[in-house]
Amino acid sequence: MARKAADANDSRERMIEAAISLMRGSGLSGAGINEVVRESGAPKGSVYYFFPEGKLSLAAEALAVYTQRVCGFIDAALSSRKAPEEKVRALFAAFARRVEEAGYLRSCAVGAVSLDLDADVVRLQPVLAGACTRWVDCIAAHFDLGDAKRTRSFASLVLTSIEGAYVRCRAERSRKPFTEAGEWLSALAAG
């Protein structure tokens, strides 16, 4: 009995991982049930067993897992340095490596899914907005620019630059957008 539960949990986790990977590559439109089943190797019926509301509930859960992971990624990069300008450079270098290692074929699942939002999937909007808020909070926790409002505004600019750099990196097949943004924002962080 314990083995069946472990297998079921494994199928569920594989579907979440597949959904994250597919959304990073082509947004929500590329993460359909058939694609998730094919990518995960999980039985098709298990999708509706674990995610009774279908694709959107799977996407919402996958985005929640992804949000947590990216927050950890941001924390690790920013914690690796002490000076504000060095923190920014380390963060953007980490994202540049991430996009490069993915062969410029994967970007941010939240950003990619946001571009797919229409009336049919608007219920994901709070999940996406929540991810952005969480990441801004995560970034802001590593800086002190004199007052909370200014620090949060800077963190928001950093996140906006990350999302924009992902788009340009994929379009240009280059890590240069991350390195350029990191240099300019590090100068800003230095004061």
Protein backbone atom coordinates (compact mmCIF):
# COMPACT_ATOMS: atom_id res chain seq x y z
CA MET A 1 0.00 0.00 0.00
CA ALA A 2 2.84 2.40 0.83
CA ARG A 3 4.38 1.69 -2.58
CA LYS A 4 1.17 2.71 -4.39
CA ALA A 5 1.06 5.96 -2.45
CA ALA A 6 4.71 6.63 -3.30
CA ASP A 7 4.08 5.89 -6.99
CA ALA A 8 1.02 8.16 -6.99
CA ASN A 9 2.97 10.95 -5.32
CA ASP A 10 5.78 10.46 -7.85
CA SER A 11 3.30 10.81 -10.73
CA ARG A 12 1.91 13.99 -9.19
CA GLU A 13 5.39 15.47 -8.73
CA ARG A 14 6.40 14.54 -12.28
CA MET A 15 3.31 16.32 -13.62
CA ILE A 16 4.15 19.45 -11.63
CA GLU A 17 7.76 19.35 -12.88
CA ALA A 18 6.57 18.83 -16.46
CA ALA A 19 4.14 21.73 -16.18
CA ILE A 20 6.88 24.03 -14.86
CA SER A 21 9.25 23.03 -17.65
CA LEU A 22 6.62 23.45 -20.34
CA MET A 23 5.44 26.81 -19.01
CA ARG A 24 9.03 28.07 -18.87
CA GLY A 25 9.37 27.11 -22.53
CA SER A 26 6.10 28.24 -24.02
CA GLY A 27 3.75 29.61 -21.39
CA LEU A 28 0.38 28.17 -20.55
CA SER A 29 -0.49 27.45 -24.18
CA GLY A 30 2.36 24.94 -24.40
CA ALA A 31 1.47 23.21 -21.14
CA GLY A 32 -1.70 21.41 -22.12
CA ILE A 33 -2.79 18.19 -20.46
CA ASN A 34 -1.50 16.04 -23.35
CA GLU A 35 1.88 17.77 -23.27
CA VAL A 36 2.16 17.38 -19.48
CA VAL A 37 1.25 13.68 -19.73
CA ARG A 38 3.77 13.13 -22.51
CA GLU A 39 6.55 15.05 -20.71
CA SER A 40 5.90 13.51 -17.29
CA GLY A 41 5.17 9.95 -18.34
CA ALA A 42 2.30 9.93 -15.86
CA PRO A 43 -0.98 8.19 -16.71
CA LYS A 44 -3.47 10.64 -18.26
CA GLY A 45 -6.17 9.75 -15.76
CA SER A 46 -3.95 10.79 -12.90
CA VAL A 47 -4.07 14.41 -14.06
CA TYR A 48 -7.75 14.67 -13.19
CA TYR A 49 -7.28 12.56 -10.07
CA PHE A 50 -4.72 14.97 -8.63
CA PHE A 51 -6.01 18.11 -10.33
CA PRO A 52 -9.80 17.68 -10.61
CA GLU A 53 -10.23 21.16 -12.09
CA GLY A 54 -7.80 20.27 -14.88
CA LYS A 55 -5.11 22.36 -16.50
CA LEU A 56 -5.62 25.56 -14.52
CA SER A 57 -5.39 23.87 -11.13
CA LEU A 58 -2.24 22.03 -12.25
CA ALA A 59 -0.80 25.30 -13.55
CA ALA A 60 -1.63 27.15 -10.32
CA GLU A 61 0.08 24.51 -8.20
CA ALA A 62 3.09 24.30 -10.51
CA LEU A 63 3.44 28.09 -10.42
CA ALA A 64 3.33 28.04 -6.60
CA VAL A 65 6.17 25.50 -6.52
CA TYR A 66 8.09 27.50 -9.12
CA THR A 67 7.59 30.75 -7.17
CA GLN A 68 9.10 29.19 -4.06
CA ARG A 69 12.09 27.84 -6.01
CA VAL A 70 12.81 31.15 -7.68
CA CYS A 71 12.66 32.89 -4.32
CA GLY A 72 15.30 30.43 -3.07
CA PHE A 73 17.36 31.07 -6.21
CA ILE A 74 17.17 34.84 -5.65
CA ASP A 75 18.04 34.50 -1.96
CA ALA A 76 21.06 32.32 -2.73
CA ALA A 77 22.41 34.72 -5.36
CA LEU A 78 21.89 37.85 -3.27
CA SER A 79 23.24 36.23 -0.09
CA SER A 80 26.49 35.35 -1.85
CA ARG A 81 27.75 38.94 -1.64
CA LYS A 82 27.81 41.75 0.93
CA ALA A 83 27.92 45.09 -0.92
CA PRO A 84 24.66 46.12 -2.64
CA GLU A 85 26.29 46.55 -6.05
CA GLU A 86 27.94 43.12 -5.78
CA LYS A 87 24.60 41.56 -4.78
CA VAL A 88 23.00 42.92 -7.95
CA ARG A 89 25.85 41.71 -10.16
CA ALA A 90 25.68 38.24 -8.57
CA LEU A 91 21.91 38.06 -9.09
CA PHE A 92 22.04 39.02 -12.75
CA ALA A 93 25.04 36.74 -13.38
CA ALA A 94 23.05 33.86 -11.85
CA PHE A 95 20.08 34.55 -14.12
CA ALA A 96 22.39 34.89 -17.13
CA ARG A 97 23.84 31.43 -16.39
CA ARG A 98 20.34 30.02 -15.94
CA VAL A 99 19.08 31.23 -19.32
CA GLU A 100 22.29 30.22 -21.05
CA GLU A 101 22.24 26.71 -19.52
CA ALA A 102 18.71 26.30 -20.86
CA GLY A 103 19.98 27.08 -24.36
CA TYR A 104 17.88 30.28 -24.39
CA LEU A 105 14.77 28.08 -24.67
CA ARG A 106 13.45 28.57 -21.13
CA SER A 107 12.58 31.75 -19.33
CA CYS A 108 10.36 32.62 -16.40
CA ALA A 109 7.20 30.52 -16.13
CA VAL A 110 5.35 33.41 -14.49
CA GLY A 111 6.37 35.84 -17.23
CA ALA A 112 5.54 33.39 -20.02
CA VAL A 113 2.15 32.48 -18.54
CA SER A 114 1.35 36.17 -17.97
CA LEU A 115 1.60 36.69 -21.71
CA ASP A 116 -1.03 33.96 -22.21
CA LEU A 117 -3.65 35.51 -19.96
CA ASP A 118 -7.03 35.96 -21.53
CA ALA A 119 -10.60 35.82 -20.27
CA ASP A 120 -10.49 32.01 -20.04
CA VAL A 121 -7.50 31.90 -17.73
CA VAL A 122 -7.88 35.12 -15.78
CA ARG A 123 -8.20 33.12 -12.56
CA LEU A 124 -4.43 32.58 -12.69
CA GLN A 125 -3.81 36.34 -12.50
CA PRO A 126 -3.75 36.42 -8.66
CA VAL A 127 -1.26 33.53 -8.65
CA LEU A 128 1.00 35.39 -11.08
CA ALA A 129 0.68 38.71 -9.25
CA GLY A 130 1.38 36.93 -5.97
CA ALA A 131 4.57 35.44 -7.42
CA CYS A 132 5.79 38.87 -8.48
CA THR A 133 4.99 40.34 -5.07
CA ARG A 134 6.82 37.50 -3.35
CA TRP A 135 9.90 37.99 -5.52
CA VAL A 136 9.93 41.75 -4.95
CA ASP A 137 9.72 41.09 -1.20
CA CYS A 138 12.55 38.57 -1.50
CA ILE A 139 14.77 41.03 -3.36
CA ALA A 140 13.91 43.95 -1.07
CA ALA A 141 14.89 41.92 2.01
CA HIS A 142 18.51 42.04 0.79
CA PHE A 143 18.76 45.81 0.43
CA ASP A 144 18.43 48.93 2.56
CA LEU A 145 18.26 52.06 0.44
CA GLY A 146 17.30 54.41 3.25
CA ASP A 147 13.58 53.84 3.47
CA ALA A 148 11.19 50.98 2.85
CA LYS A 149 9.38 52.62 -0.06
CA ARG A 150 12.59 53.35 -1.95
CA THR A 151 13.97 49.88 -1.27
CA ARG A 152 10.78 48.22 -2.48
CA SER A 153 10.73 50.41 -5.60
CA PHE A 154 14.31 49.38 -6.36
CA ALA A 155 13.43 45.71 -5.85
CA SER A 156 10.50 46.13 -8.23
CA LEU A 157 12.81 47.65 -10.86
CA VAL A 158 15.21 44.73 -10.43
CA LEU A 159 12.40 42.22 -11.00
CA THR A 160 11.09 44.14 -14.01
CA SER A 161 14.61 44.12 -15.45
CA ILE A 162 14.93 40.37 -14.89
CA GLU A 163 11.65 39.66 -16.70
CA GLY A 164 12.59 41.96 -19.59
CA ALA A 165 16.07 40.49 -19.82
CA TYR A 166 14.58 37.00 -20.14
CA VAL A 167 12.58 38.13 -23.18
CA ARG A 168 15.58 39.73 -24.84
CA CYS A 169 17.90 36.81 -24.02
CA ARG A 170 15.55 34.40 -25.74
CA ALA A 171 15.07 36.71 -28.72
CA GLU A 172 18.76 37.47 -29.12
CA ARG A 173 20.16 34.11 -27.90
CA SER A 174 22.55 36.01 -25.72
CA ARG A 175 23.17 36.52 -22.00
CA LYS A 176 24.09 40.15 -22.70
CA PRO A 177 20.72 41.62 -21.60
CA PHE A 178 21.27 40.21 -18.10
CA THR A 179 24.86 41.37 -17.87
CA GLU A 180 24.03 44.89 -19.12
CA ALA A 181 21.06 45.28 -16.78
CA GLY A 182 23.12 43.96 -13.89
CA GLU A 183 25.86 46.52 -14.50
CA TRP A 184 23.46 49.47 -14.67
CA LEU A 185 21.45 48.37 -11.66
CA SER A 186 24.59 47.67 -9.65
CA ALA A 187 25.66 51.28 -10.24
CA LEU A 188 22.25 52.41 -9.02
CA ALA A 189 22.50 50.18 -5.94
CA ALA A 190 25.96 51.57 -5.13
CA GLY A 191 24.31 54.91 -4.61
